[in-house]
Amino acid sequence: MIVGLSSLAKGADEAAGKFPWVPPKVGAGIFTGDLGMLDREREEYANSLAGYASNRVAAAKASAASLGEARRLVALALHLSSRNKKTLVLSFQLSRGVLPESVPGDYQPDVLARLLFERGMELKKQGGTENTLLARIFTELSAEMDPKNDDAVYASEIQRLDHGNVNWSTLTDVKAEVVEKKEEGTP
């Protein structure tokens, strides 16, 4: 009987780790003190993004698409707040093959999308390299999260036509790019 239970537990552990999670390589983060957001606001956005990602992965049972989306959101959250508890816990759980439980978030997805869009518009008005980058990211995310928000979709499409899609690898693979550049420069 004990042997049966231990093999059952082992089988459950193996089944839990069947989805591939590639944690983002964030490094020190691309947003500095020049970003037009207070630390508290950055922390709140990181919490909301991690909660949204966690719920999407849980609802989709760790589908490849939900994990890809979660990777981008985890990277963004870590760039906003590198020690954000919700984000670090989610990334750890996913790296261990643990499917996160769906948790009630602070905002419904359409409300979070609207907040991201409006905050992105404010960042764009503030100007500057970091604000403009985050404005583009928030606008694109907003349209993806709520494709029924005509304003966000329109702004995202204009942005795509003028500048192309956001290059997510600049957020998700920062350390990898630094290593590759160093290797290229070495004889």
C-alpha atoms as a PDB file:
ATOM      1  CA  MET A   1       0.000   0.000   0.000  1.00  0.00           C
ATOM      2  CA  ILE A   2       2.787   2.451   0.887  1.00  0.00           C
ATOM      3  CA  VAL A   3       4.609   1.583  -2.325  1.00  0.00           C
ATOM      4  CA  GLY A   4       1.417   2.341  -4.278  1.00  0.00           C
ATOM      5  CA  LEU A   5       1.012   5.718  -2.578  1.00  0.00           C
ATOM      6  CA  SER A   6       4.627   6.715  -3.160  1.00  0.00           C
ATOM      7  CA  SER A   7       4.437   5.791  -6.838  1.00  0.00           C
ATOM      8  CA  LEU A   8       1.155   7.724  -7.095  1.00  0.00           C
ATOM      9  CA  ALA A   9       2.818  10.769  -5.495  1.00  0.00           C
ATOM     10  CA  LYS A  10       5.814  10.374  -7.796  1.00  0.00           C
ATOM     11  CA  GLY A  11       3.510  10.216 -10.817  1.00  0.00           C
ATOM     12  CA  ALA A  12       1.715  13.374  -9.662  1.00  0.00           C
ATOM     13  CA  ASP A  13       5.044  15.172  -9.245  1.00  0.00           C
ATOM     14  CA  GLU A  14       6.136  14.129 -12.735  1.00  0.00           C
ATOM     15  CA  ALA A  15       2.811  15.235 -14.238  1.00  0.00           C
ATOM     16  CA  ALA A  16       3.047  18.597 -12.496  1.00  0.00           C
ATOM     17  CA  GLY A  17       6.393  19.373 -14.130  1.00  0.00           C
ATOM     18  CA  LYS A  18       5.360  18.576 -17.695  1.00  0.00           C
ATOM     19  CA  PHE A  19       5.166  22.155 -18.956  1.00  0.00           C
ATOM     20  CA  PRO A  20       8.225  24.047 -20.174  1.00  0.00           C
ATOM     21  CA  TRP A  21       8.931  27.295 -18.341  1.00  0.00           C
ATOM     22  CA  VAL A  22      11.838  29.385 -19.525  1.00  0.00           C
ATOM     23  CA  PRO A  23      12.304  32.113 -16.925  1.00  0.00           C
ATOM     24  CA  PRO A  24      13.092  35.529 -18.353  1.00  0.00           C
ATOM     25  CA  LYS A  25      16.668  36.778 -18.062  1.00  0.00           C
ATOM     26  CA  VAL A  26      16.118  40.263 -16.725  1.00  0.00           C
ATOM     27  CA  GLY A  27      19.375  41.349 -15.141  1.00  0.00           C
ATOM     28  CA  ALA A  28      19.385  44.715 -13.379  1.00  0.00           C
ATOM     29  CA  GLY A  29      16.336  45.947 -15.262  1.00  0.00           C
ATOM     30  CA  ILE A  30      15.977  48.434 -18.092  1.00  0.00           C
ATOM     31  CA  PHE A  31      13.989  51.050 -16.186  1.00  0.00           C
ATOM     32  CA  THR A  32      15.919  53.433 -13.982  1.00  0.00           C
ATOM     33  CA  GLY A  33      14.956  56.351 -11.793  1.00  0.00           C
ATOM     34  CA  ASP A  34      14.318  58.280 -15.027  1.00  0.00           C
ATOM     35  CA  LEU A  35      11.066  56.362 -15.505  1.00  0.00           C
ATOM     36  CA  GLY A  36       8.120  58.615 -14.736  1.00  0.00           C
ATOM     37  CA  MET A  37       6.674  56.294 -12.086  1.00  0.00           C
ATOM     38  CA  LEU A  38       7.144  56.229  -8.340  1.00  0.00           C
ATOM     39  CA  ASP A  39       8.506  53.043  -6.762  1.00  0.00           C
ATOM     40  CA  ARG A  40       5.148  52.336  -5.115  1.00  0.00           C
ATOM     41  CA  GLU A  41       3.347  52.605  -8.453  1.00  0.00           C
ATOM     42  CA  ARG A  42       5.915  50.346 -10.123  1.00  0.00           C
ATOM     43  CA  GLU A  43       5.334  47.773  -7.369  1.00  0.00           C
ATOM     44  CA  GLU A  44       1.543  47.939  -7.816  1.00  0.00           C
ATOM     45  CA  TYR A  45       1.776  47.460 -11.576  1.00  0.00           C
ATOM     46  CA  ALA A  46       4.177  44.535 -11.060  1.00  0.00           C
ATOM     47  CA  ASN A  47       1.679  42.934  -8.643  1.00  0.00           C
ATOM     48  CA  SER A  48      -1.176  43.372 -11.112  1.00  0.00           C
ATOM     49  CA  LEU A  49       0.829  41.984 -14.034  1.00  0.00           C
ATOM     50  CA  ALA A  50       1.944  38.955 -12.003  1.00  0.00           C
ATOM     51  CA  GLY A  51      -1.613  38.306 -10.818  1.00  0.00           C
ATOM     52  CA  TYR A  52      -2.936  38.527 -14.372  1.00  0.00           C
ATOM     53  CA  ALA A  53      -0.202  36.176 -15.636  1.00  0.00           C
ATOM     54  CA  SER A  54      -0.842  33.698 -12.843  1.00  0.00           C
ATOM     55  CA  ASN A  55      -4.568  33.596 -13.570  1.00  0.00           C
ATOM     56  CA  ARG A  56      -4.003  33.185 -17.311  1.00  0.00           C
ATOM     57  CA  VAL A  57      -1.623  30.250 -16.793  1.00  0.00           C
ATOM     58  CA  ALA A  58      -3.990  28.626 -14.283  1.00  0.00           C
ATOM     59  CA  ALA A  59      -7.042  29.055 -16.541  1.00  0.00           C
ATOM     60  CA  ALA A  60      -5.195  27.715 -19.603  1.00  0.00           C
ATOM     61  CA  LYS A  61      -3.617  24.846 -17.630  1.00  0.00           C
ATOM     62  CA  ALA A  62      -0.123  26.057 -18.580  1.00  0.00           C
ATOM     63  CA  SER A  63      -0.679  26.023 -22.342  1.00  0.00           C
ATOM     64  CA  ALA A  64       2.274  27.103 -24.455  1.00  0.00           C
ATOM     65  CA  ALA A  65       0.522  30.393 -25.301  1.00  0.00           C
ATOM     66  CA  SER A  66      -0.225  31.197 -21.653  1.00  0.00           C
ATOM     67  CA  LEU A  67       3.367  30.427 -20.647  1.00  0.00           C
ATOM     68  CA  GLY A  68       4.706  32.671 -23.412  1.00  0.00           C
ATOM     69  CA  GLU A  69       2.425  35.477 -22.279  1.00  0.00           C
ATOM     70  CA  ALA A  70       3.402  34.883 -18.656  1.00  0.00           C
ATOM     71  CA  ARG A  71       7.098  35.059 -19.562  1.00  0.00           C
ATOM     72  CA  ARG A  72       6.630  38.506 -21.086  1.00  0.00           C
ATOM     73  CA  LEU A  73       4.535  39.728 -18.140  1.00  0.00           C
ATOM     74  CA  VAL A  74       6.933  38.336 -15.540  1.00  0.00           C
ATOM     75  CA  ALA A  75       9.833  40.032 -17.327  1.00  0.00           C
ATOM     76  CA  LEU A  76       8.001  43.345 -17.446  1.00  0.00           C
ATOM     77  CA  ALA A  77       7.006  43.075 -13.788  1.00  0.00           C
ATOM     78  CA  LEU A  78      10.617  42.364 -12.807  1.00  0.00           C
ATOM     79  CA  HIS A  79      11.828  45.343 -14.834  1.00  0.00           C
ATOM     80  CA  LEU A  80       9.344  47.517 -12.963  1.00  0.00           C
ATOM     81  CA  SER A  81      10.133  46.047  -9.537  1.00  0.00           C
ATOM     82  CA  SER A  82      13.006  43.558  -9.424  1.00  0.00           C
ATOM     83  CA  ARG A  83      12.097  42.162  -6.010  1.00  0.00           C
ATOM     84  CA  ASN A  84       8.340  41.966  -6.438  1.00  0.00           C
ATOM     85  CA  LYS A  85       7.085  39.107  -4.271  1.00  0.00           C
ATOM     86  CA  LYS A  86       4.171  37.954  -6.463  1.00  0.00           C
ATOM     87  CA  THR A  87       6.350  37.910  -9.553  1.00  0.00           C
ATOM     88  CA  LEU A  88       9.266  36.062  -7.976  1.00  0.00           C
ATOM     89  CA  VAL A  89       6.938  33.471  -6.417  1.00  0.00           C
ATOM     90  CA  LEU A  90       5.128  32.906  -9.720  1.00  0.00           C
ATOM     91  CA  SER A  91       8.372  32.463 -11.641  1.00  0.00           C
ATOM     92  CA  PHE A  92       9.690  30.032  -9.007  1.00  0.00           C
ATOM     93  CA  GLN A  93       6.476  27.988  -9.080  1.00  0.00           C
ATOM     94  CA  LEU A  94       6.467  27.790 -12.857  1.00  0.00           C
ATOM     95  CA  SER A  95      10.141  26.783 -12.930  1.00  0.00           C
ATOM     96  CA  ARG A  96       9.236  23.870 -10.631  1.00  0.00           C
ATOM     97  CA  GLY A  97       6.281  22.831 -12.777  1.00  0.00           C
ATOM     98  CA  VAL A  98       3.727  23.988 -10.219  1.00  0.00           C
ATOM     99  CA  LEU A  99       0.521  25.204 -11.811  1.00  0.00           C
ATOM    100  CA  PRO A 100      -0.430  28.417  -9.984  1.00  0.00           C
ATOM    101  CA  GLU A 101      -3.849  28.636  -8.395  1.00  0.00           C
ATOM    102  CA  SER A 102      -6.264  31.166  -9.774  1.00  0.00           C
ATOM    103  CA  VAL A 103      -6.451  34.076  -7.355  1.00  0.00           C
ATOM    104  CA  PRO A 104      -8.761  37.039  -7.361  1.00  0.00           C
ATOM    105  CA  GLY A 105      -6.823  39.986  -8.730  1.00  0.00           C
ATOM    106  CA  ASP A 106      -7.181  43.614  -7.865  1.00  0.00           C
ATOM    107  CA  TYR A 107      -8.629  44.268 -11.318  1.00  0.00           C
ATOM    108  CA  GLN A 108     -10.628  42.397 -13.922  1.00  0.00           C
ATOM    109  CA  PRO A 109      -8.637  41.963 -17.156  1.00  0.00           C
ATOM    110  CA  ASP A 110     -10.579  44.668 -19.026  1.00  0.00           C
ATOM    111  CA  VAL A 111     -10.061  47.130 -16.167  1.00  0.00           C
ATOM    112  CA  LEU A 112      -6.343  46.324 -15.959  1.00  0.00           C
ATOM    113  CA  ALA A 113      -6.100  46.776 -19.734  1.00  0.00           C
ATOM    114  CA  ARG A 114      -7.761  50.184 -19.490  1.00  0.00           C
ATOM    115  CA  LEU A 115      -5.425  51.226 -16.650  1.00  0.00           C
ATOM    116  CA  LEU A 116      -2.372  50.146 -18.651  1.00  0.00           C
ATOM    117  CA  PHE A 117      -3.592  52.042 -21.689  1.00  0.00           C
ATOM    118  CA  GLU A 118      -4.320  55.258 -19.779  1.00  0.00           C
ATOM    119  CA  ARG A 119      -1.025  55.074 -17.875  1.00  0.00           C
ATOM    120  CA  GLY A 120       0.776  54.457 -21.161  1.00  0.00           C
ATOM    121  CA  MET A 121      -0.764  57.605 -22.627  1.00  0.00           C
ATOM    122  CA  GLU A 122       0.452  59.614 -19.619  1.00  0.00           C
ATOM    123  CA  LEU A 123       3.959  58.182 -19.930  1.00  0.00           C
ATOM    124  CA  LYS A 124       3.994  59.057 -23.617  1.00  0.00           C
ATOM    125  CA  LYS A 125       3.103  62.671 -22.761  1.00  0.00           C
ATOM    126  CA  GLN A 126       5.968  62.802 -20.242  1.00  0.00           C
ATOM    127  CA  GLY A 127       8.431  61.885 -22.982  1.00  0.00           C
ATOM    128  CA  GLY A 128      11.886  60.442 -22.557  1.00  0.00           C
ATOM    129  CA  THR A 129      13.296  57.135 -23.721  1.00  0.00           C
ATOM    130  CA  GLU A 130      12.145  54.972 -20.817  1.00  0.00           C
ATOM    131  CA  ASN A 131       8.685  56.535 -20.597  1.00  0.00           C
ATOM    132  CA  THR A 132       8.165  56.129 -24.339  1.00  0.00           C
ATOM    133  CA  LEU A 133       9.246  52.484 -24.246  1.00  0.00           C
ATOM    134  CA  LEU A 134       6.949  51.650 -21.337  1.00  0.00           C
ATOM    135  CA  ALA A 135       4.099  53.570 -23.005  1.00  0.00           C
ATOM    136  CA  ARG A 136       4.512  51.394 -26.110  1.00  0.00           C
ATOM    137  CA  ILE A 137       4.593  48.231 -23.996  1.00  0.00           C
ATOM    138  CA  PHE A 138       1.515  49.214 -21.972  1.00  0.00           C
ATOM    139  CA  THR A 139      -0.386  50.138 -25.152  1.00  0.00           C
ATOM    140  CA  GLU A 140       0.392  46.833 -26.849  1.00  0.00           C
ATOM    141  CA  LEU A 141      -0.486  44.849 -23.726  1.00  0.00           C
ATOM    142  CA  SER A 142      -3.714  46.752 -23.283  1.00  0.00           C
ATOM    143  CA  ALA A 143      -4.877  45.900 -26.801  1.00  0.00           C
ATOM    144  CA  GLU A 144      -3.930  42.229 -26.317  1.00  0.00           C
ATOM    145  CA  MET A 145      -5.690  41.980 -22.942  1.00  0.00           C
ATOM    146  CA  ASP A 146      -8.888  43.668 -24.133  1.00  0.00           C
ATOM    147  CA  PRO A 147      -9.314  43.598 -27.911  1.00  0.00           C
ATOM    148  CA  LYS A 148     -12.760  45.180 -27.442  1.00  0.00           C
ATOM    149  CA  ASN A 149     -11.185  48.431 -26.225  1.00  0.00           C
ATOM    150  CA  ASP A 150     -11.265  50.322 -29.535  1.00  0.00           C
ATOM    151  CA  ASP A 151      -9.020  53.150 -28.301  1.00  0.00           C
ATOM    152  CA  ALA A 152      -6.286  50.781 -27.112  1.00  0.00           C
ATOM    153  CA  VAL A 153      -6.480  48.644 -30.252  1.00  0.00           C
ATOM    154  CA  TYR A 154      -6.339  51.708 -32.511  1.00  0.00           C
ATOM    155  CA  ALA A 155      -3.375  53.188 -30.626  1.00  0.00           C
ATOM    156  CA  SER A 156      -1.594  49.831 -30.664  1.00  0.00           C
ATOM    157  CA  GLU A 157      -2.127  49.410 -34.405  1.00  0.00           C
ATOM    158  CA  ILE A 158      -0.909  52.947 -35.171  1.00  0.00           C
ATOM    159  CA  GLN A 159       2.104  52.285 -32.985  1.00  0.00           C
ATOM    160  CA  ARG A 160       2.737  48.983 -34.824  1.00  0.00           C
ATOM    161  CA  LEU A 161       2.473  50.673 -38.228  1.00  0.00           C
ATOM    162  CA  ASP A 162       4.826  53.497 -37.215  1.00  0.00           C
ATOM    163  CA  HIS A 163       7.370  51.574 -35.117  1.00  0.00           C
ATOM    164  CA  GLY A 164       6.672  47.834 -35.440  1.00  0.00           C
ATOM    165  CA  ASN A 165       5.755  45.527 -32.601  1.00  0.00           C
ATOM    166  CA  VAL A 166       7.444  45.817 -29.231  1.00  0.00           C
ATOM    167  CA  ASN A 167      10.651  43.789 -29.232  1.00  0.00           C
ATOM    168  CA  TRP A 168       9.932  41.649 -26.185  1.00  0.00           C
ATOM    169  CA  SER A 169      13.358  40.014 -26.216  1.00  0.00           C
ATOM    170  CA  THR A 170      14.761  43.349 -24.980  1.00  0.00           C
ATOM    171  CA  LEU A 171      12.770  42.646 -21.816  1.00  0.00           C
ATOM    172  CA  THR A 172      12.804  38.852 -21.598  1.00  0.00           C
ATOM    173  CA  ASP A 173      16.402  38.102 -22.575  1.00  0.00           C
ATOM    174  CA  VAL A 174      18.463  41.019 -21.314  1.00  0.00           C
ATOM    175  CA  LYS A 175      21.227  38.895 -19.784  1.00  0.00           C
ATOM    176  CA  ALA A 176      21.439  36.694 -22.880  1.00  0.00           C
ATOM    177  CA  GLU A 177      21.909  39.732 -25.140  1.00  0.00           C
ATOM    178  CA  VAL A 178      24.694  41.089 -22.926  1.00  0.00           C
ATOM    179  CA  VAL A 179      26.513  37.737 -22.982  1.00  0.00           C
ATOM    180  CA  GLU A 180      26.129  37.444 -26.773  1.00  0.00           C
ATOM    181  CA  LYS A 181      27.523  40.950 -27.308  1.00  0.00           C
ATOM    182  CA  LYS A 182      30.510  40.174 -25.091  1.00  0.00           C
ATOM    183  CA  GLU A 183      31.128  36.914 -26.965  1.00  0.00           C
ATOM    184  CA  GLU A 184      30.929  38.702 -30.340  1.00  0.00           C
ATOM    185  CA  GLY A 185      33.557  41.208 -29.239  1.00  0.00           C
ATOM    186  CA  THR A 186      35.954  38.509 -28.044  1.00  0.00           C
ATOM    187  CA  PRO A 187      38.500  37.163 -30.523  1.00  0.00           C
END
